[in-house]
């Protein structure tokens, strides 16, 4: 384990608007782990949200203040995809809404953003 984030990526497969474990023709490729800069950017997204830490140390995030999908962040994190168009802001906004929300939820889980250990290591 080195000092720097790995350049390794993983594919997340999408089927029926959901991120699934089984390979499919529709996929995105994302970093296996975030750099400090990308993690900081992701955490900025949650700044305007209400965060409450419970007695058992879990964080409960009220997403009511988060009324937009973080397109710019997703454009930086998604390195490639199964589509024949480039990963850019314009194309990101064309993704079906439920699918994109499910991708964002999976990335939050994968990178431990907004979870019980979101602000610690």
PDB file of N, CA and C in Angstrom:
ATOM      1  N   UNK A   1       0.853  -1.180   0.000  1.00  0.00           N
ATOM      2  CA  UNK A   1       0.000   0.000   0.000  1.00  0.00           C
ATOM      3  C   UNK A   1       0.890   1.232   0.000  1.00  0.00           C
ATOM      4  N   UNK A   2       0.725   2.065  -1.002  1.00  0.00           N
ATOM      5  CA  UNK A   2       1.557   3.242  -1.128  1.00  0.00           C
ATOM      6  C   UNK A   2       0.875   4.479  -0.582  1.00  0.00           C
ATOM      7  N   UNK A   3       1.556   5.569  -0.773  1.00  0.00           N
ATOM      8  CA  UNK A   3       1.088   6.855  -0.311  1.00  0.00           C
ATOM      9  C   UNK A   3       0.003   7.447  -1.211  1.00  0.00           C
ATOM     10  N   UNK A   4       0.031   7.072  -2.481  1.00  0.00           N
ATOM     11  CA  UNK A   4      -0.864   7.680  -3.458  1.00  0.00           C
ATOM     12  C   UNK A   4      -2.030   6.756  -3.800  1.00  0.00           C
ATOM     13  N   UNK A   5      -3.131   7.379  -4.191  1.00  0.00           N
ATOM     14  CA  UNK A   5      -4.301   6.610  -4.607  1.00  0.00           C
ATOM     15  C   UNK A   5      -3.947   5.788  -5.837  1.00  0.00           C
ATOM     16  N   UNK A   6      -4.469   4.618  -5.895  1.00  0.00           N
ATOM     17  CA  UNK A   6      -4.225   3.706  -7.007  1.00  0.00           C
ATOM     18  C   UNK A   6      -4.832   4.241  -8.300  1.00  0.00           C
ATOM     19  N   UNK A   7      -4.204   3.936  -9.415  1.00  0.00           N
ATOM     20  CA  UNK A   7      -4.759   4.276 -10.727  1.00  0.00           C
ATOM     21  C   UNK A   7      -5.718   3.190 -11.212  1.00  0.00           C
ATOM     22  N   UNK A   8      -5.876   2.148 -10.404  1.00  0.00           N
ATOM     23  CA  UNK A   8      -6.733   1.024 -10.773  1.00  0.00           C
ATOM     24  C   UNK A   8      -8.197   1.460 -10.840  1.00  0.00           C
ATOM     25  N   UNK A   9      -8.921   0.912 -11.813  1.00  0.00           N
ATOM     26  CA  UNK A   9     -10.338   1.222 -11.965  1.00  0.00           C
ATOM     27  C   UNK A   9     -11.165  -0.053 -11.849  1.00  0.00           C
ATOM     28  N   UNK A  10     -12.450   0.127 -11.634  1.00  0.00           N
ATOM     29  CA  UNK A  10     -13.393  -0.989 -11.588  1.00  0.00           C
ATOM     30  C   UNK A  10     -14.591  -0.637 -12.460  1.00  0.00           C
ATOM     31  N   UNK A  11     -15.215  -1.654 -13.003  1.00  0.00           N
ATOM     32  CA  UNK A  11     -16.426  -1.453 -13.789  1.00  0.00           C
ATOM     33  C   UNK A  11     -17.639  -1.702 -12.916  1.00  0.00           C
ATOM     34  N   UNK A  12     -18.590  -0.803 -13.030  1.00  0.00           N
ATOM     35  CA  UNK A  12     -19.880  -0.974 -12.381  1.00  0.00           C
ATOM     36  C   UNK A  12     -20.889  -1.222 -13.493  1.00  0.00           C
ATOM     37  N   UNK A  13     -21.606  -2.332 -13.386  1.00  0.00           N
ATOM     38  CA  UNK A  13     -22.537  -2.745 -14.434  1.00  0.00           C
ATOM     39  C   UNK A  13     -23.947  -2.257 -14.123  1.00  0.00           C
ATOM     40  N   UNK A  14     -24.661  -1.878 -15.164  1.00  0.00           N
ATOM     41  CA  UNK A  14     -26.005  -1.346 -15.010  1.00  0.00           C
ATOM     42  C   UNK A  14     -26.981  -2.196 -15.816  1.00  0.00           C
ATOM     43  N   UNK A  15     -28.066  -2.571 -15.141  1.00  0.00           N
ATOM     44  CA  UNK A  15     -29.135  -3.319 -15.800  1.00  0.00           C
ATOM     45  C   UNK A  15     -30.457  -2.882 -15.188  1.00  0.00           C
ATOM     46  N   UNK A  16     -31.436  -2.606 -16.021  1.00  0.00           N
ATOM     47  CA  UNK A  16     -32.757  -2.173 -15.564  1.00  0.00           C
ATOM     48  C   UNK A  16     -32.660  -0.981 -14.613  1.00  0.00           C
ATOM     49  N   UNK A  17     -31.804  -0.027 -14.958  1.00  0.00           N
ATOM     50  CA  UNK A  17     -31.612   1.235 -14.224  1.00  0.00           C
ATOM     51  C   UNK A  17     -30.906   1.065 -12.887  1.00  0.00           C
ATOM     52  N   UNK A  18     -30.429  -0.140 -12.581  1.00  0.00           N
ATOM     53  CA  UNK A  18     -29.774  -0.406 -11.303  1.00  0.00           C
ATOM     54  C   UNK A  18     -28.320  -0.818 -11.521  1.00  0.00           C
ATOM     55  N   UNK A  19     -27.477  -0.542 -10.528  1.00  0.00           N
ATOM     56  CA  UNK A  19     -26.100  -1.025 -10.543  1.00  0.00           C
ATOM     57  C   UNK A  19     -26.148  -2.455 -10.019  1.00  0.00           C
ATOM     58  N   UNK A  20     -25.618  -3.391 -10.819  1.00  0.00           N
ATOM     59  CA  UNK A  20     -25.706  -4.816 -10.492  1.00  0.00           C
ATOM     60  C   UNK A  20     -24.320  -5.432 -10.424  1.00  0.00           C
ATOM     61  N   UNK A  21     -24.223  -6.601  -9.822  1.00  0.00           N
ATOM     62  CA  UNK A  21     -22.946  -7.301  -9.697  1.00  0.00           C
ATOM     63  C   UNK A  21     -22.587  -8.116 -10.932  1.00  0.00           C
ATOM     64  N   UNK A  22     -23.587  -8.499 -11.708  1.00  0.00           N
ATOM     65  CA  UNK A  22     -23.354  -9.345 -12.872  1.00  0.00           C
ATOM     66  C   UNK A  22     -22.997  -8.488 -14.097  1.00  0.00           C
ATOM     67  N   UNK A  23     -22.040  -8.972 -14.889  1.00  0.00           N
ATOM     68  CA  UNK A  23     -21.632  -8.242 -16.087  1.00  0.00           C
ATOM     69  C   UNK A  23     -22.822  -8.004 -17.010  1.00  0.00           C
ATOM     70  N   UNK A  24     -22.834  -6.814 -17.620  1.00  0.00           N
ATOM     71  CA  UNK A  24     -23.871  -6.470 -18.588  1.00  0.00           C
ATOM     72  C   UNK A  24     -23.232  -5.614 -19.680  1.00  0.00           C
ATOM     73  N   UNK A  25     -23.987  -5.339 -20.703  1.00  0.00           N
ATOM     74  CA  UNK A  25     -23.485  -4.534 -21.815  1.00  0.00           C
ATOM     75  C   UNK A  25     -23.375  -3.055 -21.463  1.00  0.00           C
ATOM     76  N   UNK A  26     -24.037  -2.634 -20.410  1.00  0.00           N
ATOM     77  CA  UNK A  26     -24.006  -1.244 -19.982  1.00  0.00           C
ATOM     78  C   UNK A  26     -23.169  -1.135 -18.713  1.00  0.00           C
ATOM     79  N   UNK A  27     -22.162  -0.265 -18.741  1.00  0.00           N
ATOM     80  CA  UNK A  27     -21.253  -0.143 -17.601  1.00  0.00           C
ATOM     81  C   UNK A  27     -20.613   1.238 -17.555  1.00  0.00           C
ATOM     82  N   UNK A  28     -20.066   1.556 -16.387  1.00  0.00           N
ATOM     83  CA  UNK A  28     -19.205   2.718 -16.215  1.00  0.00           C
ATOM     84  C   UNK A  28     -17.925   2.233 -15.566  1.00  0.00           C
ATOM     85  N   UNK A  29     -16.860   2.948 -15.783  1.00  0.00           N
ATOM     86  CA  UNK A  29     -15.582   2.606 -15.155  1.00  0.00           C
ATOM     87  C   UNK A  29     -15.162   3.761 -14.265  1.00  0.00           C
ATOM     88  N   UNK A  30     -14.870   3.450 -13.003  1.00  0.00           N
ATOM     89  CA  UNK A  30     -14.538   4.466 -12.001  1.00  0.00           C
ATOM     90  C   UNK A  30     -13.272   4.050 -11.252  1.00  0.00           C
ATOM     91  N   UNK A  31     -12.599   5.001 -10.608  1.00  0.00           N
ATOM     92  CA  UNK A  31     -11.421   4.643  -9.804  1.00  0.00           C
ATOM     93  C   UNK A  31     -11.794   3.698  -8.667  1.00  0.00           C
ATOM     94  N   UNK A  32     -10.894   2.789  -8.381  1.00  0.00           N
ATOM     95  CA  UNK A  32     -11.114   1.875  -7.260  1.00  0.00           C
ATOM     96  C   UNK A  32     -11.126   2.652  -5.942  1.00  0.00           C
ATOM     97  N   UNK A  33     -10.321   3.705  -5.879  1.00  0.00           N
ATOM     98  CA  UNK A  33     -10.301   4.558  -4.695  1.00  0.00           C
ATOM     99  C   UNK A  33     -10.138   6.011  -5.128  1.00  0.00           C
ATOM    100  N   UNK A  34     -10.617   6.916  -4.292  1.00  0.00           N
ATOM    101  CA  UNK A  34     -10.564   8.338  -4.614  1.00  0.00           C
ATOM    102  C   UNK A  34      -9.249   8.962  -4.166  1.00  0.00           C
ATOM    103  N   UNK A  35      -8.809   9.955  -4.909  1.00  0.00           N
ATOM    104  CA  UNK A  35      -7.696  10.784  -4.456  1.00  0.00           C
ATOM    105  C   UNK A  35      -8.234  11.689  -3.350  1.00  0.00           C
ATOM    106  N   UNK A  36      -7.341  12.285  -2.587  1.00  0.00           N
ATOM    107  CA  UNK A  36      -7.757  13.216  -1.533  1.00  0.00           C
ATOM    108  C   UNK A  36      -8.542  14.379  -2.129  1.00  0.00           C
ATOM    109  N   UNK A  37      -8.116  14.867  -3.285  1.00  0.00           N
ATOM    110  CA  UNK A  37      -8.790  15.997  -3.923  1.00  0.00           C
ATOM    111  C   UNK A  37     -10.229  15.646  -4.323  1.00  0.00           C
ATOM    112  N   UNK A  38     -10.426  14.466  -4.913  1.00  0.00           N
ATOM    113  CA  UNK A  38     -11.781  14.066  -5.307  1.00  0.00           C
ATOM    114  C   UNK A  38     -12.660  13.802  -4.094  1.00  0.00           C
ATOM    115  N   UNK A  39     -12.083  13.230  -3.041  1.00  0.00           N
ATOM    116  CA  UNK A  39     -12.869  12.993  -1.823  1.00  0.00           C
ATOM    117  C   UNK A  39     -13.304  14.316  -1.210  1.00  0.00           C
ATOM    118  N   UNK A  40     -12.397  15.286  -1.191  1.00  0.00           N
ATOM    119  CA  UNK A  40     -12.731  16.607  -0.656  1.00  0.00           C
ATOM    120  C   UNK A  40     -13.851  17.247  -1.480  1.00  0.00           C
ATOM    121  N   UNK A  41     -13.761  17.113  -2.791  1.00  0.00           N
ATOM    122  CA  UNK A  41     -14.813  17.647  -3.665  1.00  0.00           C
ATOM    123  C   UNK A  41     -16.151  16.964  -3.383  1.00  0.00           C
ATOM    124  N   UNK A  42     -16.126  15.669  -3.190  1.00  0.00           N
ATOM    125  CA  UNK A  42     -17.355  14.934  -2.877  1.00  0.00           C
ATOM    126  C   UNK A  42     -17.936  15.397  -1.545  1.00  0.00           C
ATOM    127  N   UNK A  43     -17.092  15.619  -0.578  1.00  0.00           N
ATOM    128  CA  UNK A  43     -17.570  16.035   0.732  1.00  0.00           C
ATOM    129  C   UNK A  43     -18.162  17.446   0.677  1.00  0.00           C
ATOM    130  N   UNK A  44     -17.695  18.280  -0.236  1.00  0.00           N
ATOM    131  CA  UNK A  44     -18.271  19.617  -0.424  1.00  0.00           C
ATOM    132  C   UNK A  44     -19.743  19.521  -0.822  1.00  0.00           C
ATOM    133  N   UNK A  45     -20.080  18.480  -1.544  1.00  0.00           N
ATOM    134  CA  UNK A  45     -21.458  18.267  -1.977  1.00  0.00           C
ATOM    135  C   UNK A  45     -22.376  18.124  -0.769  1.00  0.00           C
ATOM    136  N   UNK A  46     -21.864  17.537   0.294  1.00  0.00           N
ATOM    137  CA  UNK A  46     -22.677  17.275   1.477  1.00  0.00           C
ATOM    138  C   UNK A  46     -22.693  18.444   2.453  1.00  0.00           C
ATOM    139  N   UNK A  47     -21.868  19.457   2.219  1.00  0.00           N
ATOM    140  CA  UNK A  47     -21.764  20.573   3.157  1.00  0.00           C
ATOM    141  C   UNK A  47     -23.097  21.253   3.444  1.00  0.00           C
ATOM    142  N   UNK A  48     -23.924  21.414   2.427  1.00  0.00           N
ATOM    143  CA  UNK A  48     -25.195  22.110   2.619  1.00  0.00           C
ATOM    144  C   UNK A  48     -26.285  21.195   3.162  1.00  0.00           C
ATOM    145  N   UNK A  49     -25.968  19.938   3.343  1.00  0.00           N
ATOM    146  CA  UNK A  49     -26.937  18.992   3.891  1.00  0.00           C
ATOM    147  C   UNK A  49     -26.829  18.961   5.409  1.00  0.00           C
ATOM    148  N   UNK A  50     -27.920  18.615   6.038  1.00  0.00           N
ATOM    149  CA  UNK A  50     -27.941  18.472   7.486  1.00  0.00           C
ATOM    150  C   UNK A  50     -27.372  17.096   7.830  1.00  0.00           C
ATOM    151  N   UNK A  51     -26.369  17.084   8.681  1.00  0.00           N
ATOM    152  CA  UNK A  51     -25.757  15.826   9.093  1.00  0.00           C
ATOM    153  C   UNK A  51     -25.871  15.703  10.602  1.00  0.00           C
ATOM    154  N   UNK A  52     -26.406  14.589  11.029  1.00  0.00           N
ATOM    155  CA  UNK A  52     -26.577  14.336  12.451  1.00  0.00           C
ATOM    156  C   UNK A  52     -25.831  13.054  12.794  1.00  0.00           C
ATOM    157  N   UNK A  53     -25.015  13.107  13.835  1.00  0.00           N
ATOM    158  CA  UNK A  53     -24.296  11.916  14.271  1.00  0.00           C
ATOM    159  C   UNK A  53     -25.058  11.312  15.443  1.00  0.00           C
ATOM    160  N   UNK A  54     -25.411  10.039  15.304  1.00  0.00           N
ATOM    161  CA  UNK A  54     -26.177   9.361  16.350  1.00  0.00           C
ATOM    162  C   UNK A  54     -25.256   8.931  17.484  1.00  0.00           C
ATOM    163  N   UNK A  55     -25.836   8.492  18.578  1.00  0.00           N
ATOM    164  CA  UNK A  55     -25.045   8.066  19.739  1.00  0.00           C
ATOM    165  C   UNK A  55     -24.103   6.916  19.429  1.00  0.00           C
ATOM    166  N   UNK A  56     -24.504   6.053  18.488  1.00  0.00           N
ATOM    167  CA  UNK A  56     -23.645   4.917  18.154  1.00  0.00           C
ATOM    168  C   UNK A  56     -22.594   5.275  17.101  1.00  0.00           C
ATOM    169  N   UNK A  57     -22.477   6.559  16.758  1.00  0.00           N
ATOM    170  CA  UNK A  57     -21.430   7.006  15.850  1.00  0.00           C
ATOM    171  C   UNK A  57     -21.789   7.008  14.379  1.00  0.00           C
ATOM    172  N   UNK A  58     -23.012   6.616  14.049  1.00  0.00           N
ATOM    173  CA  UNK A  58     -23.428   6.640  12.640  1.00  0.00           C
ATOM    174  C   UNK A  58     -23.862   8.043  12.248  1.00  0.00           C
ATOM    175  N   UNK A  59     -23.614   8.388  10.995  1.00  0.00           N
ATOM    176  CA  UNK A  59     -24.041   9.691  10.483  1.00  0.00           C
ATOM    177  C   UNK A  59     -25.351   9.521   9.729  1.00  0.00           C
ATOM    178  N   UNK A  60     -26.308  10.382  10.034  1.00  0.00           N
ATOM    179  CA  UNK A  60     -27.576  10.402   9.323  1.00  0.00           C
ATOM    180  C   UNK A  60     -27.574  11.686   8.507  1.00  0.00           C
ATOM    181  N   UNK A  61     -27.674  11.542   7.191  1.00  0.00           N
ATOM    182  CA  UNK A  61     -27.598  12.689   6.300  1.00  0.00           C
ATOM    183  C   UNK A  61     -28.988  12.997   5.754  1.00  0.00           C
ATOM    184  N   UNK A  62     -29.430  14.228   5.936  1.00  0.00           N
ATOM    185  CA  UNK A  62     -30.694  14.697   5.379  1.00  0.00           C
ATOM    186  C   UNK A  62     -30.387  15.279   3.997  1.00  0.00           C
ATOM    187  N   UNK A  63     -30.815  14.585   2.970  1.00  0.00           N
ATOM    188  CA  UNK A  63     -30.507  14.995   1.610  1.00  0.00           C
ATOM    189  C   UNK A  63     -31.478  16.037   1.061  1.00  0.00           C
ATOM    190  N   UNK A  64     -32.370  16.569   1.890  1.00  0.00           N
ATOM    191  CA  UNK A  64     -33.336  17.551   1.419  1.00  0.00           C
ATOM    192  C   UNK A  64     -32.642  18.775   0.812  1.00  0.00           C
ATOM    193  N   UNK A  65     -31.500  19.148   1.370  1.00  0.00           N
ATOM    194  CA  UNK A  65     -30.765  20.308   0.857  1.00  0.00           C
ATOM    195  C   UNK A  65     -30.028  19.983  -0.439  1.00  0.00           C
ATOM    196  N   UNK A  66     -29.869  18.718  -0.704  1.00  0.00           N
ATOM    197  CA  UNK A  66     -29.187  18.298  -1.937  1.00  0.00           C
ATOM    198  C   UNK A  66     -30.235  18.109  -3.015  1.00  0.00           C
ATOM    199  N   UNK A  67     -30.476  19.152  -3.780  1.00  0.00           N
ATOM    200  CA  UNK A  67     -31.540  19.036  -4.769  1.00  0.00           C
ATOM    201  C   UNK A  67     -31.010  18.876  -6.185  1.00  0.00           C
ATOM    202  N   UNK A  68     -29.721  18.641  -6.315  1.00  0.00           N
ATOM    203  CA  UNK A  68     -29.150  18.420  -7.641  1.00  0.00           C
ATOM    204  C   UNK A  68     -28.188  17.244  -7.610  1.00  0.00           C
ATOM    205  N   UNK A  69     -28.068  16.596  -8.734  1.00  0.00           N
ATOM    206  CA  UNK A  69     -27.083  15.522  -8.890  1.00  0.00           C
ATOM    207  C   UNK A  69     -25.749  16.188  -9.188  1.00  0.00           C
ATOM    208  N   UNK A  70     -24.658  15.730  -8.588  1.00  0.00           N
ATOM    209  CA  UNK A  70     -23.349  16.366  -8.786  1.00  0.00           C
ATOM    210  C   UNK A  70     -22.710  15.984 -10.132  1.00  0.00           C
ATOM    211  N   UNK A  71     -23.247  16.546 -11.204  1.00  0.00           N
ATOM    212  CA  UNK A  71     -22.794  16.203 -12.555  1.00  0.00           C
ATOM    213  C   UNK A  71     -21.296  16.406 -12.741  1.00  0.00           C
ATOM    214  N   UNK A  72     -20.771  17.527 -12.273  1.00  0.00           N
ATOM    215  CA  UNK A  72     -19.341  17.821 -12.473  1.00  0.00           C
ATOM    216  C   UNK A  72     -18.474  16.788 -11.762  1.00  0.00           C
ATOM    217  N   UNK A  73     -18.861  16.435 -10.542  1.00  0.00           N
ATOM    218  CA  UNK A  73     -18.106  15.428  -9.803  1.00  0.00           C
ATOM    219  C   UNK A  73     -18.168  14.081 -10.525  1.00  0.00           C
ATOM    220  N   UNK A  74     -19.361  13.682 -10.953  1.00  0.00           N
ATOM    221  CA  UNK A  74     -19.509  12.405 -11.646  1.00  0.00           C
ATOM    222  C   UNK A  74     -18.709  12.384 -12.947  1.00  0.00           C
ATOM    223  N   UNK A  75     -18.638  13.521 -13.619  1.00  0.00           N
ATOM    224  CA  UNK A  75     -17.857  13.608 -14.852  1.00  0.00           C
ATOM    225  C   UNK A  75     -16.378  13.377 -14.574  1.00  0.00           C
ATOM    226  N   UNK A  76     -15.902  13.796 -13.409  1.00  0.00           N
ATOM    227  CA  UNK A  76     -14.499  13.586 -13.042  1.00  0.00           C
ATOM    228  C   UNK A  76     -14.241  12.143 -12.611  1.00  0.00           C
ATOM    229  N   UNK A  77     -15.228  11.526 -11.971  1.00  0.00           N
ATOM    230  CA  UNK A  77     -15.040  10.180 -11.421  1.00  0.00           C
ATOM    231  C   UNK A  77     -15.233   9.097 -12.484  1.00  0.00           C
ATOM    232  N   UNK A  78     -16.203   9.266 -13.354  1.00  0.00           N
ATOM    233  CA  UNK A  78     -16.442   8.256 -14.386  1.00  0.00           C
ATOM    234  C   UNK A  78     -15.379   8.412 -15.469  1.00  0.00           C
ATOM    235  N   UNK A  79     -14.513   7.419 -15.577  1.00  0.00           N
ATOM    236  CA  UNK A  79     -13.382   7.477 -16.504  1.00  0.00           C
ATOM    237  C   UNK A  79     -13.771   7.047 -17.919  1.00  0.00           C
ATOM    238  N   UNK A  80     -14.692   6.119 -18.015  1.00  0.00           N
ATOM    239  CA  UNK A  80     -15.183   5.663 -19.318  1.00  0.00           C
ATOM    240  C   UNK A  80     -16.515   4.974 -19.093  1.00  0.00           C
ATOM    241  N   UNK A  81     -17.198   4.705 -20.212  1.00  0.00           N
ATOM    242  CA  UNK A  81     -18.478   3.998 -20.129  1.00  0.00           C
ATOM    243  C   UNK A  81     -18.742   3.261 -21.420  1.00  0.00           C
ATOM    244  N   UNK A  82     -19.784   2.470 -21.405  1.00  0.00           N
ATOM    245  CA  UNK A  82     -20.096   1.611 -22.548  1.00  0.00           C
ATOM    246  C   UNK A  82     -20.688   2.381 -23.718  1.00  0.00           C
ATOM    247  N   UNK A  83     -21.033   3.611 -23.535  1.00  0.00           N
ATOM    248  CA  UNK A  83     -21.614   4.423 -24.601  1.00  0.00           C
ATOM    249  C   UNK A  83     -20.536   4.885 -25.576  1.00  0.00           C
ATOM    250  N   UNK A  84     -20.937   5.196 -26.800  1.00  0.00           N
ATOM    251  CA  UNK A  84     -19.976   5.604 -27.832  1.00  0.00           C
ATOM    252  C   UNK A  84     -19.784   7.122 -27.877  1.00  0.00           C
ATOM    253  N   UNK A  85     -20.144   7.801 -26.804  1.00  0.00           N
ATOM    254  CA  UNK A  85     -19.945   9.242 -26.692  1.00  0.00           C
ATOM    255  C   UNK A  85     -19.001   9.511 -25.529  1.00  0.00           C
ATOM    256  N   UNK A  86     -18.306  10.654 -25.544  1.00  0.00           N
ATOM    257  CA  UNK A  86     -17.363  10.939 -24.459  1.00  0.00           C
ATOM    258  C   UNK A  86     -18.059  11.202 -23.124  1.00  0.00           C
ATOM    259  N   UNK A  87     -17.338  10.930 -22.049  1.00  0.00           N
ATOM    260  CA  UNK A  87     -17.820  11.268 -20.712  1.00  0.00           C
ATOM    261  C   UNK A  87     -17.582  12.769 -20.547  1.00  0.00           C
ATOM    262  N   UNK A  88     -18.652  13.535 -20.609  1.00  0.00           N
ATOM    263  CA  UNK A  88     -18.547  14.975 -20.396  1.00  0.00           C
ATOM    264  C   UNK A  88     -19.842  15.465 -19.763  1.00  0.00           C
ATOM    265  N   UNK A  89     -19.838  16.726 -19.368  1.00  0.00           N
ATOM    266  CA  UNK A  89     -20.978  17.289 -18.656  1.00  0.00           C
ATOM    267  C   UNK A  89     -22.262  17.222 -19.478  1.00  0.00           C
ATOM    268  N   UNK A  90     -22.163  17.541 -20.743  1.00  0.00           N
ATOM    269  CA  UNK A  90     -23.340  17.529 -21.616  1.00  0.00           C
ATOM    270  C   UNK A  90     -23.964  16.133 -21.689  1.00  0.00           C
ATOM    271  N   UNK A  91     -23.141  15.117 -21.892  1.00  0.00           N
ATOM    272  CA  UNK A  91     -23.657  13.745 -21.986  1.00  0.00           C
ATOM    273  C   UNK A  91     -24.110  13.212 -20.628  1.00  0.00           C
ATOM    274  N   UNK A  92     -23.432  13.632 -19.558  1.00  0.00           N
ATOM    275  CA  UNK A  92     -23.824  13.195 -18.215  1.00  0.00           C
ATOM    276  C   UNK A  92     -25.265  13.610 -17.925  1.00  0.00           C
ATOM    277  N   UNK A  93     -25.644  14.797 -18.362  1.00  0.00           N
ATOM    278  CA  UNK A  93     -26.988  15.315 -18.103  1.00  0.00           C
ATOM    279  C   UNK A  93     -28.051  14.604 -18.932  1.00  0.00           C
ATOM    280  N   UNK A  94     -27.647  13.808 -19.899  1.00  0.00           N
ATOM    281  CA  UNK A  94     -28.589  13.068 -20.743  1.00  0.00           C
ATOM    282  C   UNK A  94     -28.907  11.674 -20.205  1.00  0.00           C
ATOM    283  N   UNK A  95     -28.195  11.253 -19.172  1.00  0.00           N
ATOM    284  CA  UNK A  95     -28.425   9.928 -18.599  1.00  0.00           C
ATOM    285  C   UNK A  95     -29.805   9.901 -17.952  1.00  0.00           C
ATOM    286  N   UNK A  96     -30.478   8.788 -18.077  1.00  0.00           N
ATOM    287  CA  UNK A  96     -31.803   8.608 -17.483  1.00  0.00           C
ATOM    288  C   UNK A  96     -31.693   8.867 -15.972  1.00  0.00           C
ATOM    289  N   UNK A  97     -32.643   9.618 -15.424  1.00  0.00           N
ATOM    290  CA  UNK A  97     -32.561  10.126 -14.057  1.00  0.00           C
ATOM    291  C   UNK A  97     -32.411   9.043 -12.989  1.00  0.00           C
ATOM    292  N   UNK A  98     -33.232   8.012 -13.013  1.00  0.00           N
ATOM    293  CA  UNK A  98     -33.149   6.949 -12.007  1.00  0.00           C
ATOM    294  C   UNK A  98     -31.812   6.227 -12.089  1.00  0.00           C
ATOM    295  N   UNK A  99     -31.361   5.970 -13.296  1.00  0.00           N
ATOM    296  CA  UNK A  99     -30.073   5.304 -13.487  1.00  0.00           C
ATOM    297  C   UNK A  99     -28.946   6.134 -12.886  1.00  0.00           C
ATOM    298  N   UNK A 100     -28.936   7.432 -13.176  1.00  0.00           N
ATOM    299  CA  UNK A 100     -27.867   8.293 -12.665  1.00  0.00           C
ATOM    300  C   UNK A 100     -27.922   8.395 -11.148  1.00  0.00           C
ATOM    301  N   UNK A 101     -29.109   8.476 -10.591  1.00  0.00           N
ATOM    302  CA  UNK A 101     -29.245   8.507  -9.135  1.00  0.00           C
ATOM    303  C   UNK A 101     -28.731   7.209  -8.518  1.00  0.00           C
ATOM    304  N   UNK A 102     -29.027   6.071  -9.138  1.00  0.00           N
ATOM    305  CA  UNK A 102     -28.523   4.793  -8.631  1.00  0.00           C
ATOM    306  C   UNK A 102     -27.003   4.703  -8.735  1.00  0.00           C
ATOM    307  N   UNK A 103     -26.434   5.257  -9.790  1.00  0.00           N
ATOM    308  CA  UNK A 103     -24.969   5.308  -9.917  1.00  0.00           C
ATOM    309  C   UNK A 103     -24.391   6.160  -8.789  1.00  0.00           C
ATOM    310  N   UNK A 104     -24.961   7.340  -8.572  1.00  0.00           N
ATOM    311  CA  UNK A 104     -24.486   8.236  -7.515  1.00  0.00           C
ATOM    312  C   UNK A 104     -24.593   7.561  -6.148  1.00  0.00           C
ATOM    313  N   UNK A 105     -25.701   6.865  -5.886  1.00  0.00           N
ATOM    314  CA  UNK A 105     -25.861   6.154  -4.615  1.00  0.00           C
ATOM    315  C   UNK A 105     -24.806   5.069  -4.453  1.00  0.00           C
ATOM    316  N   UNK A 106     -24.524   4.327  -5.524  1.00  0.00           N
ATOM    317  CA  UNK A 106     -23.508   3.275  -5.465  1.00  0.00           C
ATOM    318  C   UNK A 106     -22.130   3.860  -5.191  1.00  0.00           C
ATOM    319  N   UNK A 107     -21.809   4.979  -5.822  1.00  0.00           N
ATOM    320  CA  UNK A 107     -20.509   5.611  -5.597  1.00  0.00           C
ATOM    321  C   UNK A 107     -20.387   6.116  -4.166  1.00  0.00           C
ATOM    322  N   UNK A 108     -21.474   6.646  -3.611  1.00  0.00           N
ATOM    323  CA  UNK A 108     -21.448   7.081  -2.209  1.00  0.00           C
ATOM    324  C   UNK A 108     -21.131   5.909  -1.292  1.00  0.00           C
ATOM    325  N   UNK A 109     -21.759   4.783  -1.578  1.00  0.00           N
ATOM    326  CA  UNK A 109     -21.521   3.564  -0.788  1.00  0.00           C
ATOM    327  C   UNK A 109     -20.085   3.062  -0.998  1.00  0.00           C
ATOM    328  N   UNK A 110     -19.667   3.002  -2.242  1.00  0.00           N
ATOM    329  CA  UNK A 110     -18.345   2.479  -2.591  1.00  0.00           C
ATOM    330  C   UNK A 110     -17.211   3.297  -1.974  1.00  0.00           C
ATOM    331  N   UNK A 111     -17.362   4.613  -1.990  1.00  0.00           N
ATOM    332  CA  UNK A 111     -16.321   5.504  -1.475  1.00  0.00           C
ATOM    333  C   UNK A 111     -16.573   5.956  -0.044  1.00  0.00           C
ATOM    334  N   UNK A 112     -17.607   5.374   0.577  1.00  0.00           N
ATOM    335  CA  UNK A 112     -17.955   5.699   1.963  1.00  0.00           C
ATOM    336  C   UNK A 112     -18.194   7.196   2.140  1.00  0.00           C
ATOM    337  N   UNK A 113     -19.016   7.750   1.285  1.00  0.00           N
ATOM    338  CA  UNK A 113     -19.369   9.166   1.345  1.00  0.00           C
ATOM    339  C   UNK A 113     -20.729   9.285   2.022  1.00  0.00           C
ATOM    340  N   UNK A 114     -20.800   9.995   3.122  1.00  0.00           N
ATOM    341  CA  UNK A 114     -22.084  10.190   3.791  1.00  0.00           C
ATOM    342  C   UNK A 114     -22.490   9.043   4.681  1.00  0.00           C
ATOM    343  N   UNK A 115     -21.648   8.025   4.819  1.00  0.00           N
ATOM    344  CA  UNK A 115     -21.967   6.883   5.663  1.00  0.00           C
ATOM    345  C   UNK A 115     -21.495   7.079   7.089  1.00  0.00           C
ATOM    346  N   UNK A 116     -21.440   5.999   7.843  1.00  0.00           N
ATOM    347  CA  UNK A 116     -21.102   6.076   9.251  1.00  0.00           C
ATOM    348  C   UNK A 116     -19.658   6.531   9.476  1.00  0.00           C
ATOM    349  N   UNK A 117     -18.801   6.358   8.490  1.00  0.00           N
ATOM    350  CA  UNK A 117     -17.403   6.749   8.648  1.00  0.00           C
ATOM    351  C   UNK A 117     -17.012   7.766   7.585  1.00  0.00           C
ATOM    352  N   UNK A 118     -17.968   8.566   7.161  1.00  0.00           N
ATOM    353  CA  UNK A 118     -17.757   9.461   6.024  1.00  0.00           C
ATOM    354  C   UNK A 118     -16.676  10.506   6.277  1.00  0.00           C
ATOM    355  N   UNK A 119     -16.547  10.944   7.504  1.00  0.00           N
ATOM    356  CA  UNK A 119     -15.621  12.025   7.767  1.00  0.00           C
ATOM    357  C   UNK A 119     -14.349  11.546   8.451  1.00  0.00           C
ATOM    358  N   UNK A 120     -14.253  10.272   8.691  1.00  0.00           N
ATOM    359  CA  UNK A 120     -13.051   9.702   9.287  1.00  0.00           C
ATOM    360  C   UNK A 120     -12.401   8.761   8.297  1.00  0.00           C
ATOM    361  N   UNK A 121     -11.316   8.194   8.715  1.00  0.00           N
ATOM    362  CA  UNK A 121     -10.613   7.261   7.824  1.00  0.00           C
ATOM    363  C   UNK A 121     -10.610   5.880   8.449  1.00  0.00           C
TER     364      UNK A 121
END
